[in-house]
Amino acid sequence: MLSPEIIKKYLLIGSAIFLSITIFACLLRAILGPRFTDRIIAANIIGTKTIALISIMSLIVGEDYLVDICLIYAIISFMSVVVLARSVIERKNKNNTDGKSSSINNSININNNASQADELRSMIQQIWRSPFSYIFEEQ
């Protein structure tokens, strides 16, 4: 009969293999993603899964210093996503403005942003209510 330690080790190794496979799937999405934002999200997911993989390896090997490496890697991953997101926002703003600004265009953008905000609000409400729909249902 297998001891709990051996079962634990096999489960950790299996989860590490599964994480490695999903990291490669995310890498494929990062390469083939149709938009730049898809690539940013894939890079963020790769970073998160790498942190989980290093944590699992820390448990398998039994070395505590790998947890410190996870923390440093998390900070670097977060900062890289912030920088990439900022570059996307700057590129979008640069493409939208071509040196000319008119009050008509600004009012159209304000109205468009208001309708997008209402649409986003309704989507968030639907997402929030779907898992907790039993709370909101009347009996």
C-alpha atoms as a PDB file:
ATOM      1  CA  MET A   1       0.000   0.000   0.000  1.00  0.00           C
ATOM      2  CA  LEU A   2       1.205   3.487  -0.826  1.00  0.00           C
ATOM      3  CA  SER A   3       2.040   5.843   1.988  1.00  0.00           C
ATOM      4  CA  PRO A   4       0.450   9.313   2.123  1.00  0.00           C
ATOM      5  CA  GLU A   5       3.843  10.913   1.413  1.00  0.00           C
ATOM      6  CA  ILE A   6       4.245   8.997  -1.841  1.00  0.00           C
ATOM      7  CA  ILE A   7       0.682   9.836  -2.886  1.00  0.00           C
ATOM      8  CA  LYS A   8       1.325  13.495  -2.074  1.00  0.00           C
ATOM      9  CA  LYS A   9       4.510  13.499  -4.132  1.00  0.00           C
ATOM     10  CA  TYR A  10       2.785  11.885  -7.128  1.00  0.00           C
ATOM     11  CA  LEU A  11      -0.081  14.381  -6.947  1.00  0.00           C
ATOM     12  CA  LEU A  12       2.352  17.287  -6.816  1.00  0.00           C
ATOM     13  CA  ILE A  13       4.314  15.950  -9.777  1.00  0.00           C
ATOM     14  CA  GLY A  14       1.093  15.363 -11.722  1.00  0.00           C
ATOM     15  CA  SER A  15      -0.111  18.883 -11.034  1.00  0.00           C
ATOM     16  CA  ALA A  16       3.283  20.271 -12.078  1.00  0.00           C
ATOM     17  CA  ILE A  17       3.042  18.375 -15.374  1.00  0.00           C
ATOM     18  CA  PHE A  18      -0.521  19.639 -15.900  1.00  0.00           C
ATOM     19  CA  LEU A  19       0.566  23.232 -15.201  1.00  0.00           C
ATOM     20  CA  SER A  20       3.445  22.867 -17.647  1.00  0.00           C
ATOM     21  CA  ILE A  21       1.075  21.702 -20.377  1.00  0.00           C
ATOM     22  CA  THR A  22      -1.314  24.594 -19.745  1.00  0.00           C
ATOM     23  CA  ILE A  23       1.612  27.039 -19.769  1.00  0.00           C
ATOM     24  CA  PHE A  24       2.449  25.845 -23.280  1.00  0.00           C
ATOM     25  CA  ALA A  25      -1.204  26.283 -24.291  1.00  0.00           C
ATOM     26  CA  CYS A  26      -1.102  29.860 -23.002  1.00  0.00           C
ATOM     27  CA  LEU A  27       2.168  30.409 -24.842  1.00  0.00           C
ATOM     28  CA  LEU A  28       0.425  29.318 -28.022  1.00  0.00           C
ATOM     29  CA  ARG A  29      -2.359  31.837 -27.334  1.00  0.00           C
ATOM     30  CA  ALA A  30       0.249  34.529 -26.721  1.00  0.00           C
ATOM     31  CA  ILE A  31       1.858  33.816 -30.082  1.00  0.00           C
ATOM     32  CA  LEU A  32      -1.330  33.352 -32.126  1.00  0.00           C
ATOM     33  CA  GLY A  33      -3.591  35.810 -30.297  1.00  0.00           C
ATOM     34  CA  PRO A  34      -5.450  37.998 -32.746  1.00  0.00           C
ATOM     35  CA  ARG A  35      -5.199  41.103 -30.572  1.00  0.00           C
ATOM     36  CA  PHE A  36      -2.471  42.596 -28.452  1.00  0.00           C
ATOM     37  CA  THR A  37      -4.677  42.444 -25.368  1.00  0.00           C
ATOM     38  CA  ASP A  38      -5.003  38.664 -25.821  1.00  0.00           C
ATOM     39  CA  ARG A  39      -1.239  38.461 -25.759  1.00  0.00           C
ATOM     40  CA  ILE A  40      -1.043  40.552 -22.578  1.00  0.00           C
ATOM     41  CA  ILE A  41      -3.608  38.370 -20.819  1.00  0.00           C
ATOM     42  CA  ALA A  42      -1.810  35.216 -21.959  1.00  0.00           C
ATOM     43  CA  ALA A  43       1.494  36.595 -20.643  1.00  0.00           C
ATOM     44  CA  ASN A  44      -0.172  37.374 -17.305  1.00  0.00           C
ATOM     45  CA  ILE A  45      -1.615  33.858 -17.090  1.00  0.00           C
ATOM     46  CA  ILE A  46       1.778  32.357 -17.949  1.00  0.00           C
ATOM     47  CA  GLY A  47       3.319  34.372 -15.119  1.00  0.00           C
ATOM     48  CA  THR A  48       0.662  33.260 -12.653  1.00  0.00           C
ATOM     49  CA  LYS A  49       1.003  29.612 -13.633  1.00  0.00           C
ATOM     50  CA  THR A  50       4.773  29.851 -13.397  1.00  0.00           C
ATOM     51  CA  ILE A  51       4.437  31.151  -9.849  1.00  0.00           C
ATOM     52  CA  ALA A  52       2.182  28.200  -9.008  1.00  0.00           C
ATOM     53  CA  LEU A  53       4.649  25.819 -10.668  1.00  0.00           C
ATOM     54  CA  ILE A  54       7.583  27.188  -8.678  1.00  0.00           C
ATOM     55  CA  SER A  55       5.509  26.864  -5.486  1.00  0.00           C
ATOM     56  CA  ILE A  56       4.740  23.229  -6.288  1.00  0.00           C
ATOM     57  CA  MET A  57       8.392  22.588  -7.021  1.00  0.00           C
ATOM     58  CA  SER A  58       9.186  24.146  -3.644  1.00  0.00           C
ATOM     59  CA  LEU A  59       6.954  21.566  -1.981  1.00  0.00           C
ATOM     60  CA  ILE A  60       8.407  18.686  -3.991  1.00  0.00           C
ATOM     61  CA  VAL A  61      12.040  19.619  -3.403  1.00  0.00           C
ATOM     62  CA  GLY A  62      11.475  20.904   0.134  1.00  0.00           C
ATOM     63  CA  GLU A  63      13.415  24.142  -0.323  1.00  0.00           C
ATOM     64  CA  ASP A  64      11.987  27.269   1.260  1.00  0.00           C
ATOM     65  CA  TYR A  65      13.989  29.775  -0.789  1.00  0.00           C
ATOM     66  CA  LEU A  66      11.833  28.980  -3.837  1.00  0.00           C
ATOM     67  CA  VAL A  67       8.919  30.749  -2.148  1.00  0.00           C
ATOM     68  CA  ASP A  68      11.010  33.929  -2.052  1.00  0.00           C
ATOM     69  CA  ILE A  69      11.674  33.510  -5.750  1.00  0.00           C
ATOM     70  CA  CYS A  70       7.911  33.202  -6.273  1.00  0.00           C
ATOM     71  CA  LEU A  71       7.327  36.520  -4.531  1.00  0.00           C
ATOM     72  CA  ILE A  72       9.967  38.290  -6.610  1.00  0.00           C
ATOM     73  CA  TYR A  73       8.614  36.717  -9.786  1.00  0.00           C
ATOM     74  CA  ALA A  74       5.090  37.847  -8.869  1.00  0.00           C
ATOM     75  CA  ILE A  75       6.256  41.445  -8.476  1.00  0.00           C
ATOM     76  CA  ILE A  76       8.092  41.352 -11.800  1.00  0.00           C
ATOM     77  CA  SER A  77       5.108  39.751 -13.545  1.00  0.00           C
ATOM     78  CA  PHE A  78       2.731  42.362 -12.136  1.00  0.00           C
ATOM     79  CA  MET A  79       4.973  45.234 -13.192  1.00  0.00           C
ATOM     80  CA  SER A  80       5.360  43.843 -16.719  1.00  0.00           C
ATOM     81  CA  VAL A  81       1.592  43.579 -17.161  1.00  0.00           C
ATOM     82  CA  VAL A  82       1.142  47.136 -15.901  1.00  0.00           C
ATOM     83  CA  VAL A  83       3.760  48.423 -18.354  1.00  0.00           C
ATOM     84  CA  LEU A  84       2.229  46.492 -21.258  1.00  0.00           C
ATOM     85  CA  ALA A  85      -1.275  47.681 -20.412  1.00  0.00           C
ATOM     86  CA  ARG A  86      -0.038  51.253 -20.220  1.00  0.00           C
ATOM     87  CA  SER A  87       1.574  50.933 -23.640  1.00  0.00           C
ATOM     88  CA  VAL A  88      -1.717  49.621 -25.077  1.00  0.00           C
ATOM     89  CA  ILE A  89      -3.603  52.583 -23.616  1.00  0.00           C
ATOM     90  CA  GLU A  90      -1.034  55.047 -24.958  1.00  0.00           C
ATOM     91  CA  ARG A  91      -1.124  53.440 -28.406  1.00  0.00           C
ATOM     92  CA  LYS A  92      -4.920  53.553 -28.427  1.00  0.00           C
ATOM     93  CA  ASN A  93      -4.934  57.219 -27.411  1.00  0.00           C
ATOM     94  CA  LYS A  94      -2.293  57.986 -30.028  1.00  0.00           C
ATOM     95  CA  ASN A  95      -4.359  56.314 -32.777  1.00  0.00           C
ATOM     96  CA  ASN A  96      -7.582  58.053 -31.716  1.00  0.00           C
ATOM     97  CA  THR A  97      -6.138  61.566 -31.740  1.00  0.00           C
ATOM     98  CA  ASP A  98      -4.749  62.881 -34.990  1.00  0.00           C
ATOM     99  CA  GLY A  99      -4.104  66.423 -33.818  1.00  0.00           C
ATOM    100  CA  LYS A 100      -7.640  67.669 -34.373  1.00  0.00           C
ATOM    101  CA  SER A 101     -10.229  67.924 -31.657  1.00  0.00           C
ATOM    102  CA  SER A 102     -13.714  69.189 -32.082  1.00  0.00           C
ATOM    103  CA  SER A 103     -16.548  69.559 -29.650  1.00  0.00           C
ATOM    104  CA  ILE A 104     -18.743  67.352 -31.839  1.00  0.00           C
ATOM    105  CA  ASN A 105     -16.270  64.455 -31.660  1.00  0.00           C
ATOM    106  CA  ASN A 106     -15.861  64.919 -27.912  1.00  0.00           C
ATOM    107  CA  SER A 107     -19.628  64.855 -27.306  1.00  0.00           C
ATOM    108  CA  ILE A 108     -19.964  61.725 -29.435  1.00  0.00           C
ATOM    109  CA  ASN A 109     -17.196  60.058 -27.415  1.00  0.00           C
ATOM    110  CA  ILE A 110     -18.842  61.073 -24.138  1.00  0.00           C
ATOM    111  CA  ASN A 111     -22.212  59.665 -25.219  1.00  0.00           C
ATOM    112  CA  ASN A 112     -20.552  56.519 -26.545  1.00  0.00           C
ATOM    113  CA  ASN A 113     -18.612  56.065 -23.289  1.00  0.00           C
ATOM    114  CA  ALA A 114     -21.817  56.513 -21.262  1.00  0.00           C
ATOM    115  CA  SER A 115     -23.605  53.825 -23.258  1.00  0.00           C
ATOM    116  CA  GLN A 116     -20.584  51.535 -22.935  1.00  0.00           C
ATOM    117  CA  ALA A 117     -20.550  52.138 -19.180  1.00  0.00           C
ATOM    118  CA  ASP A 118     -24.248  51.234 -18.939  1.00  0.00           C
ATOM    119  CA  GLU A 119     -23.648  48.101 -20.990  1.00  0.00           C
ATOM    120  CA  LEU A 120     -20.684  47.152 -18.815  1.00  0.00           C
ATOM    121  CA  ARG A 121     -22.715  47.748 -15.650  1.00  0.00           C
ATOM    122  CA  SER A 122     -25.508  45.457 -16.868  1.00  0.00           C
ATOM    123  CA  MET A 123     -22.984  42.753 -17.805  1.00  0.00           C
ATOM    124  CA  ILE A 124     -21.402  42.915 -14.349  1.00  0.00           C
ATOM    125  CA  GLN A 125     -24.831  42.665 -12.736  1.00  0.00           C
ATOM    126  CA  GLN A 126     -25.647  39.594 -14.828  1.00  0.00           C
ATOM    127  CA  ILE A 127     -22.330  37.961 -13.964  1.00  0.00           C
ATOM    128  CA  TRP A 128     -22.790  38.744 -10.271  1.00  0.00           C
ATOM    129  CA  ARG A 129     -26.341  37.474 -10.150  1.00  0.00           C
ATOM    130  CA  SER A 130     -25.832  34.250 -12.081  1.00  0.00           C
ATOM    131  CA  PRO A 131     -23.871  32.326  -9.419  1.00  0.00           C
ATOM    132  CA  PHE A 132     -25.972  33.841  -6.645  1.00  0.00           C
ATOM    133  CA  SER A 133     -29.331  33.711  -8.416  1.00  0.00           C
ATOM    134  CA  TYR A 134     -30.864  31.604  -5.657  1.00  0.00           C
ATOM    135  CA  ILE A 135     -30.438  34.578  -3.302  1.00  0.00           C
ATOM    136  CA  PHE A 136     -32.318  36.982  -5.580  1.00  0.00           C
ATOM    137  CA  GLU A 137     -35.134  34.638  -6.540  1.00  0.00           C
ATOM    138  CA  GLU A 138     -38.422  35.199  -4.797  1.00  0.00           C
ATOM    139  CA  GLN A 139     -40.085  32.194  -3.238  1.00  0.00           C
END
